[in-house]
Amino acid sequence: MAKTAAERQKAYRERRGQDHRLNLYVTADAGAALARLCKLCRLPQREMLERLILTAEADHLQTLTPDSQEWLEYHGQIEAWEPEP
């Protein structure tokens, strides 16, 4: 028996596991830059975006001292500090 569209969608989501879905628009300039980078590196958009995001985070983490206030805030272990009025 053929699956319904809802059943196919449910099976697809289960196969994706822990992946996080992004559905967004970017500017024409950003889209063109992404296309150029993908072509240059011979990568699909998903892999290029993952690399860019993870590289940006790694660069940021190198500026933080482990267990510092900023490190804990970034990792969501404490609330961001706000000065009292």
N, C-alpha and C. Protein backbone atom coordinates (compact mmCIF):
# COMPACT_ATOMS: atom_id res chain seq x y z
N MET A 1 0.84 -1.18 0.00
CA MET A 1 0.00 0.00 0.00
C MET A 1 0.89 1.25 0.00
N ALA A 2 0.54 2.22 -0.79
CA ALA A 2 1.33 3.45 -0.89
C ALA A 2 1.18 4.29 0.38
N LYS A 3 2.25 4.98 0.72
CA LYS A 3 2.23 5.84 1.90
C LYS A 3 1.58 7.17 1.55
N THR A 4 0.97 7.77 2.56
CA THR A 4 0.41 9.10 2.37
C THR A 4 1.56 10.11 2.43
N ALA A 5 1.28 11.33 2.03
CA ALA A 5 2.29 12.39 2.09
C ALA A 5 2.76 12.59 3.53
N ALA A 6 1.84 12.53 4.47
CA ALA A 6 2.20 12.72 5.88
C ALA A 6 3.11 11.59 6.36
N GLU A 7 2.84 10.37 5.92
CA GLU A 7 3.69 9.23 6.31
C GLU A 7 5.08 9.35 5.72
N ARG A 8 5.15 9.78 4.46
CA ARG A 8 6.46 9.97 3.82
C ARG A 8 7.25 11.06 4.52
N GLN A 9 6.57 12.15 4.88
CA GLN A 9 7.23 13.26 5.57
C GLN A 9 7.73 12.81 6.94
N LYS A 10 6.93 12.05 7.66
CA LYS A 10 7.33 11.56 8.98
C LYS A 10 8.56 10.66 8.86
N ALA A 11 8.58 9.78 7.88
CA ALA A 11 9.72 8.88 7.68
C ALA A 11 10.97 9.68 7.32
N TYR A 12 10.80 10.71 6.49
CA TYR A 12 11.93 11.56 6.11
C TYR A 12 12.52 12.25 7.34
N ARG A 13 11.67 12.81 8.17
CA ARG A 13 12.14 13.50 9.38
C ARG A 13 12.85 12.54 10.33
N GLU A 14 12.34 11.33 10.43
CA GLU A 14 12.99 10.33 11.29
C GLU A 14 14.37 9.97 10.75
N ARG A 15 14.52 9.89 9.44
CA ARG A 15 15.83 9.59 8.84
C ARG A 15 16.82 10.72 9.08
N ARG A 16 16.33 11.94 9.18
CA ARG A 16 17.21 13.10 9.38
C ARG A 16 17.79 13.11 10.79
N GLY A 17 17.17 12.40 11.70
CA GLY A 17 17.69 12.30 13.06
C GLY A 17 17.77 13.63 13.76
N GLN A 18 18.97 13.99 14.21
CA GLN A 18 19.18 15.19 15.01
C GLN A 18 19.48 16.42 14.16
N ASP A 19 19.40 16.32 12.85
CA ASP A 19 19.66 17.48 12.00
C ASP A 19 18.67 18.60 12.33
N HIS A 20 19.12 19.83 12.16
CA HIS A 20 18.30 21.01 12.45
C HIS A 20 17.93 21.67 11.13
N ARG A 21 16.66 21.85 10.88
CA ARG A 21 16.20 22.41 9.61
C ARG A 21 16.26 23.94 9.65
N LEU A 22 16.82 24.52 8.59
CA LEU A 22 16.82 25.97 8.41
C LEU A 22 15.99 26.29 7.17
N ASN A 23 15.11 27.25 7.29
CA ASN A 23 14.31 27.69 6.16
C ASN A 23 14.37 29.21 6.18
N LEU A 24 15.21 29.79 5.32
CA LEU A 24 15.43 31.22 5.41
C LEU A 24 15.77 31.83 4.06
N TYR A 25 15.67 33.12 4.01
CA TYR A 25 16.09 33.90 2.86
C TYR A 25 17.35 34.66 3.23
N VAL A 26 18.26 34.78 2.28
CA VAL A 26 19.45 35.61 2.46
C VAL A 26 19.45 36.65 1.34
N THR A 27 20.26 37.69 1.51
CA THR A 27 20.33 38.71 0.48
C THR A 27 20.89 38.12 -0.81
N ALA A 28 20.65 38.80 -1.91
CA ALA A 28 21.17 38.34 -3.20
C ALA A 28 22.69 38.27 -3.16
N ASP A 29 23.33 39.25 -2.51
CA ASP A 29 24.80 39.24 -2.41
C ASP A 29 25.29 38.03 -1.63
N ALA A 30 24.64 37.73 -0.52
CA ALA A 30 25.05 36.57 0.29
C ALA A 30 24.81 35.27 -0.47
N GLY A 31 23.70 35.19 -1.18
CA GLY A 31 23.41 33.99 -1.97
C GLY A 31 24.42 33.79 -3.08
N ALA A 32 24.81 34.88 -3.74
CA ALA A 32 25.81 34.78 -4.80
C ALA A 32 27.17 34.39 -4.23
N ALA A 33 27.52 34.96 -3.08
CA ALA A 33 28.79 34.61 -2.45
C ALA A 33 28.80 33.14 -2.06
N LEU A 34 27.69 32.65 -1.52
CA LEU A 34 27.59 31.24 -1.16
C LEU A 34 27.75 30.36 -2.40
N ALA A 35 27.10 30.73 -3.48
CA ALA A 35 27.21 29.96 -4.72
C ALA A 35 28.65 29.92 -5.22
N ARG A 36 29.33 31.07 -5.15
CA ARG A 36 30.73 31.11 -5.60
C ARG A 36 31.62 30.24 -4.72
N LEU A 37 31.44 30.33 -3.40
CA LEU A 37 32.23 29.51 -2.49
C LEU A 37 31.99 28.02 -2.73
N CYS A 38 30.73 27.65 -2.93
CA CYS A 38 30.40 26.25 -3.18
C CYS A 38 31.06 25.75 -4.46
N LYS A 39 31.02 26.58 -5.49
CA LYS A 39 31.64 26.19 -6.76
C LYS A 39 33.15 26.08 -6.59
N LEU A 40 33.76 27.05 -5.92
CA LEU A 40 35.20 27.05 -5.72
C LEU A 40 35.66 25.80 -4.97
N CYS A 41 34.94 25.46 -3.91
CA CYS A 41 35.33 24.33 -3.05
C CYS A 41 34.69 23.01 -3.47
N ARG A 42 33.82 23.08 -4.48
CA ARG A 42 33.10 21.88 -4.95
C ARG A 42 32.34 21.20 -3.81
N LEU A 43 31.57 22.03 -3.12
CA LEU A 43 30.78 21.54 -1.99
C LEU A 43 29.31 21.92 -2.17
N PRO A 44 28.40 21.11 -1.66
CA PRO A 44 26.99 21.52 -1.65
C PRO A 44 26.78 22.64 -0.63
N GLN A 45 25.70 23.38 -0.78
CA GLN A 45 25.43 24.51 0.10
C GLN A 45 25.39 24.09 1.57
N ARG A 46 24.78 22.96 1.86
CA ARG A 46 24.69 22.51 3.25
C ARG A 46 26.08 22.36 3.86
N GLU A 47 26.97 21.68 3.16
CA GLU A 47 28.30 21.46 3.72
C GLU A 47 29.07 22.77 3.85
N MET A 48 28.93 23.66 2.87
CA MET A 48 29.62 24.94 2.94
C MET A 48 29.12 25.75 4.13
N LEU A 49 27.81 25.82 4.32
CA LEU A 49 27.25 26.57 5.45
C LEU A 49 27.71 25.96 6.78
N GLU A 50 27.71 24.64 6.87
CA GLU A 50 28.17 23.99 8.10
C GLU A 50 29.62 24.36 8.38
N ARG A 51 30.47 24.33 7.36
CA ARG A 51 31.88 24.67 7.55
C ARG A 51 32.05 26.12 7.98
N LEU A 52 31.31 27.03 7.34
CA LEU A 52 31.42 28.45 7.68
C LEU A 52 30.97 28.70 9.12
N ILE A 53 29.87 28.09 9.51
CA ILE A 53 29.35 28.29 10.86
C ILE A 53 30.30 27.72 11.90
N LEU A 54 30.76 26.50 11.69
CA LEU A 54 31.64 25.86 12.67
C LEU A 54 33.00 26.54 12.74
N THR A 55 33.49 27.05 11.61
CA THR A 55 34.76 27.79 11.61
C THR A 55 34.61 29.10 12.37
N ALA A 56 33.50 29.81 12.14
CA ALA A 56 33.26 31.06 12.86
C ALA A 56 33.17 30.82 14.36
N GLU A 57 32.50 29.74 14.75
CA GLU A 57 32.40 29.45 16.18
C GLU A 57 33.77 29.09 16.76
N ALA A 58 34.54 28.28 16.05
CA ALA A 58 35.87 27.90 16.53
C ALA A 58 36.75 29.14 16.71
N ASP A 59 36.67 30.07 15.76
CA ASP A 59 37.43 31.32 15.86
C ASP A 59 37.01 32.10 17.11
N HIS A 60 35.70 32.16 17.35
CA HIS A 60 35.20 32.89 18.52
C HIS A 60 35.65 32.21 19.82
N LEU A 61 35.56 30.89 19.86
CA LEU A 61 35.94 30.16 21.08
C LEU A 61 37.41 30.37 21.43
N GLN A 62 38.24 30.59 20.42
CA GLN A 62 39.66 30.82 20.69
C GLN A 62 39.89 32.15 21.40
N THR A 63 38.92 33.04 21.35
CA THR A 63 39.05 34.33 22.03
C THR A 63 38.61 34.24 23.49
N LEU A 64 38.00 33.12 23.87
CA LEU A 64 37.46 32.96 25.22
C LEU A 64 38.37 32.09 26.08
N THR A 65 38.43 32.42 27.36
CA THR A 65 39.13 31.59 28.33
C THR A 65 38.14 30.57 28.87
N PRO A 66 38.49 29.26 28.84
CA PRO A 66 37.56 28.25 29.35
C PRO A 66 37.13 28.57 30.79
N ASP A 67 35.85 28.38 31.03
CA ASP A 67 35.23 28.60 32.34
C ASP A 67 35.18 30.07 32.76
N SER A 68 35.52 30.99 31.86
CA SER A 68 35.37 32.41 32.16
C SER A 68 33.89 32.78 32.08
N GLN A 69 33.58 33.97 32.54
CA GLN A 69 32.20 34.47 32.47
C GLN A 69 31.68 34.43 31.04
N GLU A 70 32.49 34.91 30.09
CA GLU A 70 32.08 34.95 28.69
C GLU A 70 31.88 33.54 28.14
N TRP A 71 32.77 32.62 28.50
CA TRP A 71 32.67 31.24 28.02
C TRP A 71 31.39 30.60 28.53
N LEU A 72 31.10 30.80 29.82
CA LEU A 72 29.89 30.23 30.40
C LEU A 72 28.63 30.84 29.79
N GLU A 73 28.66 32.15 29.56
CA GLU A 73 27.52 32.81 28.92
C GLU A 73 27.30 32.26 27.52
N TYR A 74 28.39 32.13 26.77
CA TYR A 74 28.27 31.64 25.39
C TYR A 74 27.67 30.25 25.36
N HIS A 75 28.08 29.42 26.29
CA HIS A 75 27.58 28.05 26.31
C HIS A 75 26.26 27.91 27.07
N GLY A 76 25.68 29.03 27.47
CA GLY A 76 24.36 29.03 28.08
C GLY A 76 24.30 28.47 29.48
N GLN A 77 25.45 28.44 30.16
CA GLN A 77 25.46 27.89 31.51
C GLN A 77 25.08 28.92 32.56
N ILE A 78 25.19 30.19 32.21
CA ILE A 78 24.74 31.25 33.11
C ILE A 78 24.09 32.33 32.26
N GLU A 79 23.30 33.14 32.90
CA GLU A 79 22.67 34.25 32.20
C GLU A 79 23.71 35.32 31.89
N ALA A 80 23.52 36.00 30.78
CA ALA A 80 24.43 37.09 30.43
C ALA A 80 24.35 38.17 31.50
N TRP A 81 25.50 38.72 31.84
CA TRP A 81 25.57 39.76 32.86
C TRP A 81 25.03 41.06 32.30
N GLU A 82 24.21 41.71 33.11
CA GLU A 82 23.70 43.03 32.75
C GLU A 82 23.95 43.96 33.93
N PRO A 83 24.51 45.14 33.69
CA PRO A 83 24.76 46.06 34.80
C PRO A 83 23.45 46.53 35.41
N GLU A 84 23.49 46.77 36.71
CA GLU A 84 22.30 47.28 37.38
C GLU A 84 22.15 48.76 37.05
N PRO A 85 20.90 49.24 36.97
CA PRO A 85 20.69 50.66 36.64
C PRO A 85 21.15 51.58 37.74
